[in-house]
């Protein structure tokens, strides 16, 4: 590859990274938001009601009753 093509390619890539790439936005996170659980046991129990979740559990050899018992044993 000739040097001018390589220089052009590098220029295009650098311009793309500098202009088009999304920027990160930082902000303060409250203590409550940091320690709040992302998924609660109620969310998990609702997910266990879905047929697709039940089918995947059974495919892995876990019954819905076993999964509900495990969720009930979780602590907050």
N, C-alpha and C. Protein backbone atom coordinates (compact mmCIF):
# COMPACT_ATOMS: atom_id res chain seq x y z
N UNK A 1 0.85 -1.17 0.00
CA UNK A 1 0.00 0.00 0.00
C UNK A 1 0.89 1.23 0.00
N UNK A 2 0.55 2.19 -0.82
CA UNK A 2 1.38 3.38 -0.89
C UNK A 2 1.21 4.22 0.37
N UNK A 3 2.19 5.05 0.62
CA UNK A 3 2.19 5.83 1.85
C UNK A 3 1.04 6.83 1.90
N UNK A 4 0.65 7.39 0.76
CA UNK A 4 -0.45 8.37 0.79
C UNK A 4 -1.77 7.69 1.11
N UNK A 5 -1.95 6.44 0.67
CA UNK A 5 -3.18 5.71 1.00
C UNK A 5 -3.23 5.38 2.48
N UNK A 6 -2.08 5.01 2.98
CA UNK A 6 -2.02 4.70 4.41
C UNK A 6 -2.28 5.95 5.24
N UNK A 7 -1.70 7.07 4.85
CA UNK A 7 -1.92 8.33 5.56
C UNK A 7 -3.38 8.75 5.48
N UNK A 8 -4.00 8.55 4.33
CA UNK A 8 -5.41 8.87 4.18
C UNK A 8 -6.27 7.98 5.07
N UNK A 9 -5.95 6.70 5.11
CA UNK A 9 -6.69 5.77 5.97
C UNK A 9 -6.58 6.13 7.43
N UNK A 10 -5.37 6.44 7.87
CA UNK A 10 -5.16 6.84 9.26
C UNK A 10 -5.92 8.13 9.56
N UNK A 11 -5.92 9.07 8.63
CA UNK A 11 -6.64 10.34 8.83
C UNK A 11 -8.14 10.10 8.96
N UNK A 12 -8.68 9.24 8.11
CA UNK A 12 -10.11 8.95 8.16
C UNK A 12 -10.48 8.29 9.49
N UNK A 13 -9.68 7.34 9.92
CA UNK A 13 -9.96 6.66 11.18
C UNK A 13 -9.86 7.62 12.36
N UNK A 14 -8.84 8.44 12.39
CA UNK A 14 -8.67 9.41 13.48
C UNK A 14 -9.81 10.41 13.51
N UNK A 15 -10.23 10.88 12.35
CA UNK A 15 -11.34 11.82 12.29
C UNK A 15 -12.61 11.16 12.79
N UNK A 16 -12.84 9.93 12.39
CA UNK A 16 -14.03 9.20 12.84
C UNK A 16 -14.02 9.04 14.35
N UNK A 17 -12.89 8.65 14.91
CA UNK A 17 -12.81 8.46 16.36
C UNK A 17 -13.00 9.77 17.11
N UNK A 18 -12.51 10.85 16.56
CA UNK A 18 -12.59 12.14 17.24
C UNK A 18 -13.95 12.79 17.12
N UNK A 19 -14.64 12.59 16.01
CA UNK A 19 -15.88 13.32 15.75
C UNK A 19 -17.12 12.47 15.97
N UNK A 20 -17.12 11.25 15.49
CA UNK A 20 -18.33 10.45 15.47
C UNK A 20 -18.51 9.64 16.74
N UNK A 21 -17.45 9.26 17.39
CA UNK A 21 -17.56 8.42 18.59
C UNK A 21 -18.34 9.15 19.68
N UNK A 22 -19.19 8.40 20.39
CA UNK A 22 -19.96 9.04 21.47
C UNK A 22 -19.04 9.43 22.63
N UNK A 23 -19.46 10.46 23.33
CA UNK A 23 -18.70 10.94 24.45
C UNK A 23 -19.27 10.38 25.74
N UNK A 24 -18.43 10.13 26.71
CA UNK A 24 -18.87 9.65 28.02
C UNK A 24 -19.31 10.84 28.86
N UNK A 25 -20.36 10.62 29.63
CA UNK A 25 -20.86 11.67 30.52
C UNK A 25 -20.78 11.15 31.94
N UNK A 26 -20.06 11.83 32.77
CA UNK A 26 -19.91 11.43 34.16
C UNK A 26 -20.88 12.23 35.01
N UNK A 27 -21.27 11.66 36.10
CA UNK A 27 -22.16 12.36 37.02
C UNK A 27 -22.07 11.74 38.40
N UNK A 28 -22.63 12.42 39.34
CA UNK A 28 -22.64 11.92 40.72
C UNK A 28 -23.69 10.82 40.85
N UNK A 29 -23.38 9.81 41.61
CA UNK A 29 -24.30 8.72 41.90
C UNK A 29 -24.61 8.77 43.38
N UNK A 30 -25.89 8.79 43.70
CA UNK A 30 -26.26 8.84 45.11
C UNK A 30 -25.99 7.50 45.78
N UNK A 31 -25.86 7.53 47.10
CA UNK A 31 -25.63 6.30 47.85
C UNK A 31 -26.79 5.34 47.67
N UNK A 32 -28.02 5.88 47.67
CA UNK A 32 -29.20 5.03 47.51
C UNK A 32 -29.18 4.31 46.16
N UNK A 33 -28.79 5.01 45.12
CA UNK A 33 -28.73 4.40 43.80
C UNK A 33 -27.60 3.37 43.71
N UNK A 34 -26.52 3.61 44.41
CA UNK A 34 -25.38 2.71 44.35
C UNK A 34 -25.65 1.40 45.08
N UNK A 35 -26.41 1.45 46.16
CA UNK A 35 -26.65 0.24 46.96
C UNK A 35 -27.98 -0.41 46.65
N UNK A 36 -28.81 0.21 45.82
CA UNK A 36 -30.10 -0.37 45.47
C UNK A 36 -29.90 -1.61 44.61
N UNK A 37 -30.64 -2.67 44.89
CA UNK A 37 -30.48 -3.88 44.06
C UNK A 37 -31.00 -3.64 42.65
N UNK A 38 -30.27 -4.16 41.69
CA UNK A 38 -30.68 -4.01 40.29
C UNK A 38 -31.89 -4.88 40.00
N UNK A 39 -31.94 -6.04 40.63
CA UNK A 39 -33.05 -6.97 40.44
C UNK A 39 -33.54 -7.40 41.81
N UNK A 40 -34.82 -7.27 42.05
CA UNK A 40 -35.39 -7.70 43.32
C UNK A 40 -35.96 -9.10 43.18
N UNK A 41 -36.25 -9.72 44.31
CA UNK A 41 -36.83 -11.06 44.26
C UNK A 41 -38.21 -11.03 43.60
N UNK A 42 -38.94 -9.93 43.75
CA UNK A 42 -40.24 -9.82 43.08
C UNK A 42 -40.07 -9.82 41.57
N UNK A 43 -39.03 -9.17 41.08
CA UNK A 43 -38.74 -9.17 39.64
C UNK A 43 -38.42 -10.57 39.15
N UNK A 44 -37.63 -11.30 39.93
CA UNK A 44 -37.29 -12.66 39.56
C UNK A 44 -38.52 -13.56 39.55
N UNK A 45 -39.38 -13.40 40.55
CA UNK A 45 -40.59 -14.23 40.61
C UNK A 45 -41.51 -13.94 39.42
N UNK A 46 -41.59 -12.67 39.02
CA UNK A 46 -42.40 -12.35 37.83
C UNK A 46 -41.79 -12.98 36.58
N UNK A 47 -40.48 -13.01 36.51
CA UNK A 47 -39.82 -13.61 35.36
C UNK A 47 -40.10 -15.12 35.30
N UNK A 48 -40.22 -15.74 36.46
CA UNK A 48 -40.48 -17.18 36.50
C UNK A 48 -41.88 -17.52 35.99
N UNK A 49 -42.76 -16.54 35.89
CA UNK A 49 -44.10 -16.77 35.36
C UNK A 49 -44.11 -16.86 33.83
N UNK A 50 -43.06 -16.40 33.20
CA UNK A 50 -43.00 -16.41 31.73
C UNK A 50 -42.70 -17.81 31.21
N UNK A 51 -43.41 -18.20 30.17
CA UNK A 51 -43.23 -19.53 29.60
C UNK A 51 -41.83 -19.73 29.02
N UNK A 52 -41.26 -18.69 28.43
CA UNK A 52 -39.92 -18.83 27.85
C UNK A 52 -38.87 -19.08 28.93
N UNK A 53 -39.03 -18.45 30.08
CA UNK A 53 -38.10 -18.66 31.19
C UNK A 53 -38.27 -20.08 31.73
N UNK A 54 -39.52 -20.50 31.88
CA UNK A 54 -39.78 -21.85 32.38
C UNK A 54 -39.19 -22.90 31.45
N UNK A 55 -39.31 -22.68 30.14
CA UNK A 55 -38.76 -23.63 29.17
C UNK A 55 -37.24 -23.71 29.28
N UNK A 56 -36.58 -22.58 29.46
CA UNK A 56 -35.13 -22.58 29.59
C UNK A 56 -34.69 -23.25 30.89
N UNK A 57 -35.44 -23.02 31.96
CA UNK A 57 -35.12 -23.69 33.23
C UNK A 57 -35.20 -25.21 33.07
N UNK A 58 -36.29 -25.66 32.47
CA UNK A 58 -36.47 -27.09 32.27
C UNK A 58 -35.39 -27.67 31.35
N UNK A 59 -34.96 -26.89 30.36
CA UNK A 59 -33.89 -27.34 29.47
C UNK A 59 -32.58 -27.54 30.23
N UNK A 60 -32.42 -26.80 31.33
CA UNK A 60 -31.21 -26.92 32.15
C UNK A 60 -31.44 -27.84 33.35
N UNK A 61 -32.59 -28.50 33.39
CA UNK A 61 -32.85 -29.47 34.45
C UNK A 61 -33.31 -28.87 35.76
N UNK A 62 -33.86 -27.67 35.72
CA UNK A 62 -34.34 -27.01 36.94
C UNK A 62 -35.84 -26.81 36.80
N UNK A 63 -36.59 -27.27 37.80
CA UNK A 63 -38.03 -27.06 37.76
C UNK A 63 -38.36 -25.65 38.24
N UNK A 64 -39.54 -25.21 37.90
CA UNK A 64 -39.97 -23.87 38.32
C UNK A 64 -40.07 -23.80 39.84
N UNK A 65 -40.50 -24.90 40.45
CA UNK A 65 -40.61 -24.93 41.91
C UNK A 65 -39.24 -24.80 42.57
N UNK A 66 -38.23 -25.46 42.00
CA UNK A 66 -36.87 -25.33 42.53
C UNK A 66 -36.37 -23.89 42.39
N UNK A 67 -36.65 -23.27 41.27
CA UNK A 67 -36.22 -21.89 41.06
C UNK A 67 -36.92 -20.96 42.03
N UNK A 68 -38.21 -21.16 42.25
CA UNK A 68 -38.95 -20.32 43.21
C UNK A 68 -38.38 -20.50 44.62
N UNK A 69 -38.02 -21.71 44.97
CA UNK A 69 -37.44 -21.96 46.30
C UNK A 69 -36.10 -21.25 46.44
N UNK A 70 -35.31 -21.25 45.38
CA UNK A 70 -34.01 -20.56 45.43
C UNK A 70 -34.20 -19.05 45.55
N UNK A 71 -35.17 -18.51 44.84
CA UNK A 71 -35.43 -17.07 44.93
C UNK A 71 -35.91 -16.73 46.33
N UNK A 72 -36.77 -17.58 46.90
CA UNK A 72 -37.27 -17.33 48.27
C UNK A 72 -36.15 -17.37 49.31
N UNK A 73 -35.10 -18.14 49.02
CA UNK A 73 -33.98 -18.26 49.96
C UNK A 73 -33.01 -17.09 49.86
N UNK A 74 -33.12 -16.26 48.82
CA UNK A 74 -32.23 -15.11 48.65
C UNK A 74 -32.50 -14.08 49.74
N UNK A 75 -31.46 -13.39 50.13
CA UNK A 75 -31.63 -12.29 51.08
C UNK A 75 -31.47 -10.97 50.35
N UNK A 76 -32.10 -9.94 50.89
CA UNK A 76 -31.98 -8.61 50.28
C UNK A 76 -30.77 -7.98 50.77
